[in-house]
Amino acid sequence: MGPLVLPPVLDRFAAGMIAADLQHRAGRGGPVVLDASGIERIGMAGLQLLLCALHAPLVDGSAAARLDRPSAALCEAARLAGLTTHLGLDTEERR
Protein backbone atom coordinates (compact mmCIF):
# COMPACT_ATOMS: atom_id res chain seq x y z
CA MET A 1 0.00 0.00 0.00
CA GLY A 2 1.34 3.43 -0.92
CA PRO A 3 1.65 6.45 1.31
CA LEU A 4 -1.40 8.10 2.80
CA VAL A 5 -1.54 11.51 1.10
CA LEU A 6 -2.72 14.11 3.59
CA PRO A 7 -5.17 16.76 2.33
CA PRO A 8 -4.33 20.43 1.77
CA VAL A 9 -6.51 21.41 4.75
CA LEU A 10 -6.04 19.20 7.78
CA ASP A 11 -8.69 20.51 10.17
CA ARG A 12 -10.93 18.67 12.64
CA PHE A 13 -13.23 17.43 9.89
CA ALA A 14 -10.43 16.00 7.78
CA ALA A 15 -8.70 14.60 10.87
CA GLY A 16 -11.75 12.49 11.68
CA MET A 17 -11.77 10.91 8.23
CA ILE A 18 -8.02 10.36 8.19
CA ALA A 19 -8.05 8.76 11.65
CA ALA A 20 -10.22 5.91 10.37
CA ASP A 21 -7.94 5.37 7.37
CA LEU A 22 -4.88 5.41 9.65
CA GLN A 23 -6.39 2.76 11.92
CA HIS A 24 -7.20 0.58 8.95
CA ARG A 25 -3.72 0.88 7.47
CA ALA A 26 -1.93 0.41 10.81
CA GLY A 27 -4.02 -2.70 11.42
CA ARG A 28 -2.54 -4.25 8.31
CA GLY A 29 0.92 -4.20 9.92
CA GLY A 30 3.99 -2.07 9.49
CA PRO A 31 4.29 1.68 9.68
CA VAL A 32 2.11 3.98 7.60
CA VAL A 33 3.89 6.63 5.54
CA LEU A 34 2.13 9.99 5.71
CA ASP A 35 2.81 12.17 2.68
CA ALA A 36 2.54 15.67 4.17
CA SER A 37 3.83 17.55 1.12
CA GLY A 38 0.43 18.97 0.16
CA ILE A 39 -0.59 20.42 3.51
CA GLU A 40 -1.38 24.11 3.08
CA ARG A 41 -3.23 24.67 6.36
CA ILE A 42 -3.34 22.57 9.52
CA GLY A 43 -5.23 23.12 12.75
CA MET A 44 -4.68 21.78 16.24
CA ALA A 45 -6.83 18.72 15.52
CA GLY A 46 -4.58 17.90 12.59
CA LEU A 47 -1.45 18.35 14.69
CA GLN A 48 -2.96 16.14 17.42
CA LEU A 49 -3.76 13.47 14.85
CA LEU A 50 -0.17 13.50 13.60
CA LEU A 51 1.19 13.33 17.15
CA CYS A 52 -0.97 10.31 17.93
CA ALA A 53 -0.11 8.60 14.64
CA LEU A 54 3.62 9.13 15.09
CA HIS A 55 3.74 8.04 18.72
CA ALA A 56 1.21 5.20 18.83
CA PRO A 57 3.23 2.00 18.99
CA LEU A 58 2.38 -1.05 16.93
CA VAL A 59 2.38 -4.53 18.42
CA ASP A 60 6.09 -4.92 17.64
CA GLY A 61 6.88 -1.62 19.40
CA SER A 62 7.65 0.31 16.21
CA ALA A 63 5.95 3.61 15.40
CA ALA A 64 2.56 3.39 13.71
CA ALA A 65 3.38 6.13 11.20
CA ARG A 66 6.12 8.36 9.88
CA LEU A 67 5.97 11.73 8.15
CA ASP A 68 7.33 12.07 4.66
CA ARG A 69 8.00 15.35 2.88
CA PRO A 70 6.46 17.77 5.43
CA SER A 71 5.25 20.97 3.81
CA ALA A 72 6.41 24.42 4.86
CA ALA A 73 2.92 25.09 6.26
CA LEU A 74 3.12 22.00 8.46
CA CYS A 75 6.60 22.91 9.68
CA GLU A 76 5.50 26.45 10.52
CA ALA A 77 2.35 25.31 12.35
CA ALA A 78 4.41 22.80 14.33
CA ARG A 79 6.94 25.50 15.19
CA LEU A 80 4.24 27.90 16.39
CA ALA A 81 2.67 25.15 18.51
CA GLY A 82 6.04 24.09 19.94
CA LEU A 83 5.75 20.62 18.41
CA THR A 84 8.68 20.42 16.01
CA THR A 85 10.60 17.98 18.19
CA HIS A 86 7.54 15.84 18.87
CA LEU A 87 6.78 15.59 15.17
CA GLY A 88 10.40 14.92 14.25
CA LEU A 89 10.67 18.15 12.28
CA ASP A 90 13.74 19.60 13.99
CA THR A 91 16.39 17.38 12.46
CA GLU A 92 19.22 18.90 10.45
CA GLU A 93 18.09 17.45 7.11
CA ARG A 94 14.69 19.14 7.44
CA ARG A 95 16.06 22.64 8.13
C-alpha atoms as a PDB file:
ATOM      1  CA  MET A   1       0.000   0.000   0.000  1.00  0.00           C
ATOM      2  CA  GLY A   2       1.345   3.425  -0.922  1.00  0.00           C
ATOM      3  CA  PRO A   3       1.647   6.445   1.310  1.00  0.00           C
ATOM      4  CA  LEU A   4      -1.402   8.104   2.799  1.00  0.00           C
ATOM      5  CA  VAL A   5      -1.542  11.509   1.104  1.00  0.00           C
ATOM      6  CA  LEU A   6      -2.716  14.111   3.588  1.00  0.00           C
ATOM      7  CA  PRO A   7      -5.174  16.757   2.334  1.00  0.00           C
ATOM      8  CA  PRO A   8      -4.328  20.433   1.775  1.00  0.00           C
ATOM      9  CA  VAL A   9      -6.506  21.413   4.748  1.00  0.00           C
ATOM     10  CA  LEU A  10      -6.042  19.199   7.785  1.00  0.00           C
ATOM     11  CA  ASP A  11      -8.688  20.512  10.174  1.00  0.00           C
ATOM     12  CA  ARG A  12     -10.930  18.671  12.640  1.00  0.00           C
ATOM     13  CA  PHE A  13     -13.235  17.428   9.891  1.00  0.00           C
ATOM     14  CA  ALA A  14     -10.427  16.002   7.777  1.00  0.00           C
ATOM     15  CA  ALA A  15      -8.697  14.604  10.870  1.00  0.00           C
ATOM     16  CA  GLY A  16     -11.747  12.491  11.678  1.00  0.00           C
ATOM     17  CA  MET A  17     -11.768  10.914   8.234  1.00  0.00           C
ATOM     18  CA  ILE A  18      -8.024  10.362   8.185  1.00  0.00           C
ATOM     19  CA  ALA A  19      -8.047   8.762  11.648  1.00  0.00           C
ATOM     20  CA  ALA A  20     -10.223   5.915  10.372  1.00  0.00           C
ATOM     21  CA  ASP A  21      -7.940   5.371   7.372  1.00  0.00           C
ATOM     22  CA  LEU A  22      -4.878   5.415   9.649  1.00  0.00           C
ATOM     23  CA  GLN A  23      -6.388   2.761  11.924  1.00  0.00           C
ATOM     24  CA  HIS A  24      -7.201   0.577   8.953  1.00  0.00           C
ATOM     25  CA  ARG A  25      -3.718   0.875   7.469  1.00  0.00           C
ATOM     26  CA  ALA A  26      -1.931   0.414  10.812  1.00  0.00           C
ATOM     27  CA  GLY A  27      -4.021  -2.696  11.419  1.00  0.00           C
ATOM     28  CA  ARG A  28      -2.538  -4.254   8.311  1.00  0.00           C
ATOM     29  CA  GLY A  29       0.915  -4.199   9.921  1.00  0.00           C
ATOM     30  CA  GLY A  30       3.986  -2.070   9.492  1.00  0.00           C
ATOM     31  CA  PRO A  31       4.286   1.681   9.677  1.00  0.00           C
ATOM     32  CA  VAL A  32       2.107   3.983   7.604  1.00  0.00           C
ATOM     33  CA  VAL A  33       3.887   6.630   5.537  1.00  0.00           C
ATOM     34  CA  LEU A  34       2.125   9.991   5.710  1.00  0.00           C
ATOM     35  CA  ASP A  35       2.807  12.174   2.681  1.00  0.00           C
ATOM     36  CA  ALA A  36       2.545  15.672   4.167  1.00  0.00           C
ATOM     37  CA  SER A  37       3.825  17.553   1.122  1.00  0.00           C
ATOM     38  CA  GLY A  38       0.434  18.972   0.161  1.00  0.00           C
ATOM     39  CA  ILE A  39      -0.595  20.423   3.512  1.00  0.00           C
ATOM     40  CA  GLU A  40      -1.380  24.110   3.082  1.00  0.00           C
ATOM     41  CA  ARG A  41      -3.233  24.672   6.362  1.00  0.00           C
ATOM     42  CA  ILE A  42      -3.341  22.574   9.519  1.00  0.00           C
ATOM     43  CA  GLY A  43      -5.230  23.116  12.750  1.00  0.00           C
ATOM     44  CA  MET A  44      -4.682  21.783  16.236  1.00  0.00           C
ATOM     45  CA  ALA A  45      -6.834  18.723  15.524  1.00  0.00           C
ATOM     46  CA  GLY A  46      -4.577  17.897  12.587  1.00  0.00           C
ATOM     47  CA  LEU A  47      -1.452  18.346  14.689  1.00  0.00           C
ATOM     48  CA  GLN A  48      -2.958  16.142  17.416  1.00  0.00           C
ATOM     49  CA  LEU A  49      -3.762  13.469  14.851  1.00  0.00           C
ATOM     50  CA  LEU A  50      -0.170  13.500  13.603  1.00  0.00           C
ATOM     51  CA  LEU A  51       1.194  13.333  17.147  1.00  0.00           C
ATOM     52  CA  CYS A  52      -0.967  10.313  17.927  1.00  0.00           C
ATOM     53  CA  ALA A  53      -0.109   8.595  14.644  1.00  0.00           C
ATOM     54  CA  LEU A  54       3.621   9.128  15.091  1.00  0.00           C
ATOM     55  CA  HIS A  55       3.736   8.045  18.721  1.00  0.00           C
ATOM     56  CA  ALA A  56       1.210   5.199  18.827  1.00  0.00           C
ATOM     57  CA  PRO A  57       3.231   1.996  18.986  1.00  0.00           C
ATOM     58  CA  LEU A  58       2.385  -1.051  16.926  1.00  0.00           C
ATOM     59  CA  VAL A  59       2.383  -4.533  18.420  1.00  0.00           C
ATOM     60  CA  ASP A  60       6.086  -4.919  17.637  1.00  0.00           C
ATOM     61  CA  GLY A  61       6.882  -1.624  19.395  1.00  0.00           C
ATOM     62  CA  SER A  62       7.650   0.315  16.212  1.00  0.00           C
ATOM     63  CA  ALA A  63       5.951   3.605  15.399  1.00  0.00           C
ATOM     64  CA  ALA A  64       2.562   3.388  13.707  1.00  0.00           C
ATOM     65  CA  ALA A  65       3.378   6.130  11.203  1.00  0.00           C
ATOM     66  CA  ARG A  66       6.122   8.358   9.882  1.00  0.00           C
ATOM     67  CA  LEU A  67       5.974  11.727   8.152  1.00  0.00           C
ATOM     68  CA  ASP A  68       7.334  12.070   4.664  1.00  0.00           C
ATOM     69  CA  ARG A  69       8.001  15.354   2.879  1.00  0.00           C
ATOM     70  CA  PRO A  70       6.460  17.767   5.428  1.00  0.00           C
ATOM     71  CA  SER A  71       5.250  20.972   3.814  1.00  0.00           C
ATOM     72  CA  ALA A  72       6.414  24.422   4.857  1.00  0.00           C
ATOM     73  CA  ALA A  73       2.920  25.095   6.256  1.00  0.00           C
ATOM     74  CA  LEU A  74       3.117  22.002   8.463  1.00  0.00           C
ATOM     75  CA  CYS A  75       6.595  22.908   9.684  1.00  0.00           C
ATOM     76  CA  GLU A  76       5.503  26.452  10.521  1.00  0.00           C
ATOM     77  CA  ALA A  77       2.352  25.307  12.355  1.00  0.00           C
ATOM     78  CA  ALA A  78       4.413  22.796  14.332  1.00  0.00           C
ATOM     79  CA  ARG A  79       6.943  25.502  15.187  1.00  0.00           C
ATOM     80  CA  LEU A  80       4.237  27.897  16.390  1.00  0.00           C
ATOM     81  CA  ALA A  81       2.675  25.148  18.512  1.00  0.00           C
ATOM     82  CA  GLY A  82       6.038  24.091  19.940  1.00  0.00           C
ATOM     83  CA  LEU A  83       5.750  20.622  18.415  1.00  0.00           C
ATOM     84  CA  THR A  84       8.678  20.420  16.012  1.00  0.00           C
ATOM     85  CA  THR A  85      10.599  17.983  18.186  1.00  0.00           C
ATOM     86  CA  HIS A  86       7.538  15.844  18.872  1.00  0.00           C
ATOM     87  CA  LEU A  87       6.781  15.593  15.172  1.00  0.00           C
ATOM     88  CA  GLY A  88      10.402  14.923  14.247  1.00  0.00           C
ATOM     89  CA  LEU A  89      10.674  18.152  12.280  1.00  0.00           C
ATOM     90  CA  ASP A  90      13.738  19.600  13.991  1.00  0.00           C
ATOM     91  CA  THR A  91      16.394  17.376  12.462  1.00  0.00           C
ATOM     92  CA  GLU A  92      19.219  18.901  10.449  1.00  0.00           C
ATOM     93  CA  GLU A  93      18.093  17.453   7.111  1.00  0.00           C
ATOM     94  CA  ARG A  94      14.689  19.137   7.441  1.00  0.00           C
ATOM     95  CA  ARG A  95      16.058  22.642   8.127  1.00  0.00           C
END
